């Protein structure tokens, strides 16, 4: 082979090898990125589950507060009725 042809063939082979190495390196880098994405996805799912749990807890607490408010209103009405009766005094005996 003549020297220019040999150098051209060598340059083409080196270029091909570099392209293959670059492709392999990119594949490994993407695999690392995919594992990072998988970790982020897992963390997102954990946060979503925690958020759902917090929403359920808040809904439960809200219903408990509503029930307590109803009980408080009922107790206030009972106390008001007791005060009204004592303020009236004893009734007249009708015979």
C-alpha atoms as a PDB file:
ATOM      1  CA  UNK A   1       0.000   0.000   0.000  1.00  0.00           C
ATOM      2  CA  UNK A   2       1.105   3.451  -0.647  1.00  0.00           C
ATOM      3  CA  UNK A   3       1.630   5.702   2.319  1.00  0.00           C
ATOM      4  CA  UNK A   4      -1.291   8.156   1.663  1.00  0.00           C
ATOM      5  CA  UNK A   5      -3.726   5.276   1.153  1.00  0.00           C
ATOM      6  CA  UNK A   6      -2.449   3.581   4.303  1.00  0.00           C
ATOM      7  CA  UNK A   7      -2.801   6.753   6.334  1.00  0.00           C
ATOM      8  CA  UNK A   8      -6.301   7.283   4.978  1.00  0.00           C
ATOM      9  CA  UNK A   9      -7.280   3.714   5.870  1.00  0.00           C
ATOM     10  CA  UNK A  10      -5.716   4.135   9.316  1.00  0.00           C
ATOM     11  CA  UNK A  11      -7.601   7.399   9.856  1.00  0.00           C
ATOM     12  CA  UNK A  12     -10.872   5.760   8.818  1.00  0.00           C
ATOM     13  CA  UNK A  13     -10.268   2.819  11.163  1.00  0.00           C
ATOM     14  CA  UNK A  14      -9.355   5.152  14.016  1.00  0.00           C
ATOM     15  CA  UNK A  15     -12.461   7.240  13.339  1.00  0.00           C
ATOM     16  CA  UNK A  16     -14.631   4.125  13.356  1.00  0.00           C
ATOM     17  CA  UNK A  17     -13.088   2.925  16.628  1.00  0.00           C
ATOM     18  CA  UNK A  18     -13.615   6.361  18.180  1.00  0.00           C
ATOM     19  CA  UNK A  19     -17.258   6.374  17.069  1.00  0.00           C
ATOM     20  CA  UNK A  20     -17.775   2.916  18.601  1.00  0.00           C
ATOM     21  CA  UNK A  21     -16.119   3.945  21.870  1.00  0.00           C
ATOM     22  CA  UNK A  22     -18.169   7.139  21.964  1.00  0.00           C
ATOM     23  CA  UNK A  23     -21.370   5.180  21.344  1.00  0.00           C
ATOM     24  CA  UNK A  24     -20.542   2.728  24.130  1.00  0.00           C
ATOM     25  CA  UNK A  25     -19.685   5.576  26.512  1.00  0.00           C
ATOM     26  CA  UNK A  26     -22.973   7.306  25.673  1.00  0.00           C
ATOM     27  CA  UNK A  27     -24.849   4.046  26.310  1.00  0.00           C
ATOM     28  CA  UNK A  28     -23.227   3.695  29.736  1.00  0.00           C
ATOM     29  CA  UNK A  29     -23.975   7.317  30.525  1.00  0.00           C
ATOM     30  CA  UNK A  30     -27.631   6.836  29.560  1.00  0.00           C
ATOM     31  CA  UNK A  31     -27.791   3.712  31.700  1.00  0.00           C
ATOM     32  CA  UNK A  32     -26.555   5.812  34.616  1.00  0.00           C
ATOM     33  CA  UNK A  33     -29.120   8.463  33.788  1.00  0.00           C
ATOM     34  CA  UNK A  34     -31.828   5.824  33.637  1.00  0.00           C
ATOM     35  CA  UNK A  35     -30.903   4.598  37.102  1.00  0.00           C
ATOM     36  CA  UNK A  36     -31.019   8.210  38.299  1.00  0.00           C
ATOM     37  CA  UNK A  37     -34.416   8.578  36.668  1.00  0.00           C
ATOM     38  CA  UNK A  38     -35.558   5.355  38.313  1.00  0.00           C
ATOM     39  CA  UNK A  39     -34.434   6.689  41.698  1.00  0.00           C
ATOM     40  CA  UNK A  40     -36.224   9.974  41.088  1.00  0.00           C
ATOM     41  CA  UNK A  41     -39.347   8.098  40.032  1.00  0.00           C
ATOM     42  CA  UNK A  42     -39.206   5.995  43.196  1.00  0.00           C
ATOM     43  CA  UNK A  43     -38.772   9.102  45.348  1.00  0.00           C
ATOM     44  CA  UNK A  44     -41.674  10.767  43.542  1.00  0.00           C
ATOM     45  CA  UNK A  45     -43.866   7.742  44.223  1.00  0.00           C
ATOM     46  CA  UNK A  46     -42.888   7.809  47.901  1.00  0.00           C
ATOM     47  CA  UNK A  47     -43.729  11.511  48.124  1.00  0.00           C
ATOM     48  CA  UNK A  48     -47.040  10.912  46.350  1.00  0.00           C
ATOM     49  CA  UNK A  49     -47.902   8.158  48.834  1.00  0.00           C
ATOM     50  CA  UNK A  50     -46.989  10.433  51.749  1.00  0.00           C
ATOM     51  CA  UNK A  51     -49.135  13.199  50.258  1.00  0.00           C
ATOM     52  CA  UNK A  52     -52.095  10.819  49.892  1.00  0.00           C
ATOM     53  CA  UNK A  53     -51.650   9.728  53.497  1.00  0.00           C
ATOM     54  CA  UNK A  54     -51.534  13.358  54.654  1.00  0.00           C
ATOM     55  CA  UNK A  55     -54.685  14.165  52.650  1.00  0.00           C
ATOM     56  CA  UNK A  56     -56.499  11.191  54.202  1.00  0.00           C
ATOM     57  CA  UNK A  57     -55.377  12.216  57.671  1.00  0.00           C
ATOM     58  CA  UNK A  58     -56.516  15.779  57.068  1.00  0.00           C
ATOM     59  CA  UNK A  59     -59.920  14.597  55.839  1.00  0.00           C
ATOM     60  CA  UNK A  60     -60.287  12.411  58.936  1.00  0.00           C
ATOM     61  CA  UNK A  61     -59.316  15.270  61.226  1.00  0.00           C
ATOM     62  CA  UNK A  62     -61.741  17.564  59.437  1.00  0.00           C
ATOM     63  CA  UNK A  63     -64.606  15.134  60.046  1.00  0.00           C
ATOM     64  CA  UNK A  64     -63.574  14.831  63.694  1.00  0.00           C
ATOM     65  CA  UNK A  65     -63.601  18.624  64.065  1.00  0.00           C
ATOM     66  CA  UNK A  66     -67.066  18.781  62.481  1.00  0.00           C
ATOM     67  CA  UNK A  67     -68.324  16.130  64.910  1.00  0.00           C
ATOM     68  CA  UNK A  68     -66.797  17.982  67.868  1.00  0.00           C
ATOM     69  CA  UNK A  69     -68.437  21.213  66.691  1.00  0.00           C
ATOM     70  CA  UNK A  70     -71.814  19.468  66.596  1.00  0.00           C
ATOM     71  CA  UNK A  71     -71.286  18.117  70.121  1.00  0.00           C
ATOM     72  CA  UNK A  72     -70.250  21.540  71.370  1.00  0.00           C
ATOM     73  CA  UNK A  73     -73.362  23.122  69.845  1.00  0.00           C
ATOM     74  CA  UNK A  74     -75.544  20.443  71.443  1.00  0.00           C
ATOM     75  CA  UNK A  75     -73.894  20.969  74.846  1.00  0.00           C
ATOM     76  CA  UNK A  76     -74.336  24.737  74.591  1.00  0.00           C
ATOM     77  CA  UNK A  77     -78.039  24.278  73.813  1.00  0.00           C
ATOM     78  CA  UNK A  78     -78.454  21.976  76.829  1.00  0.00           C
ATOM     79  CA  UNK A  79     -76.697  24.455  79.104  1.00  0.00           C
ATOM     80  CA  UNK A  80     -78.806  27.320  77.770  1.00  0.00           C
ATOM     81  CA  UNK A  81     -82.000  25.335  78.409  1.00  0.00           C
ATOM     82  CA  UNK A  82     -80.885  24.605  81.978  1.00  0.00           C
ATOM     83  CA  UNK A  83     -80.216  28.301  82.639  1.00  0.00           C
ATOM     84  CA  UNK A  84     -83.533  29.337  81.132  1.00  0.00           C
ATOM     85  CA  UNK A  85     -85.425  26.921  83.367  1.00  0.00           C
ATOM     86  CA  UNK A  86     -83.663  28.073  86.533  1.00  0.00           C
ATOM     87  CA  UNK A  87     -84.186  31.740  85.586  1.00  0.00           C
ATOM     88  CA  UNK A  88     -87.950  31.189  85.343  1.00  0.00           C
ATOM     89  CA  UNK A  89     -88.159  29.920  88.883  1.00  0.00           C
ATOM     90  CA  UNK A  90     -90.598  27.381  90.163  1.00  0.00           C
ATOM     91  CA  UNK A  91     -93.897  27.200  88.361  1.00  0.00           C
ATOM     92  CA  UNK A  92     -97.282  27.854  90.050  1.00  0.00           C
ATOM     93  CA  UNK A  93     -99.159  24.964  91.436  1.00  0.00           C
ATOM     94  CA  UNK A  94    -102.489  24.872  89.753  1.00  0.00           C
ATOM     95  CA  UNK A  95    -105.111  22.884  91.687  1.00  0.00           C
END
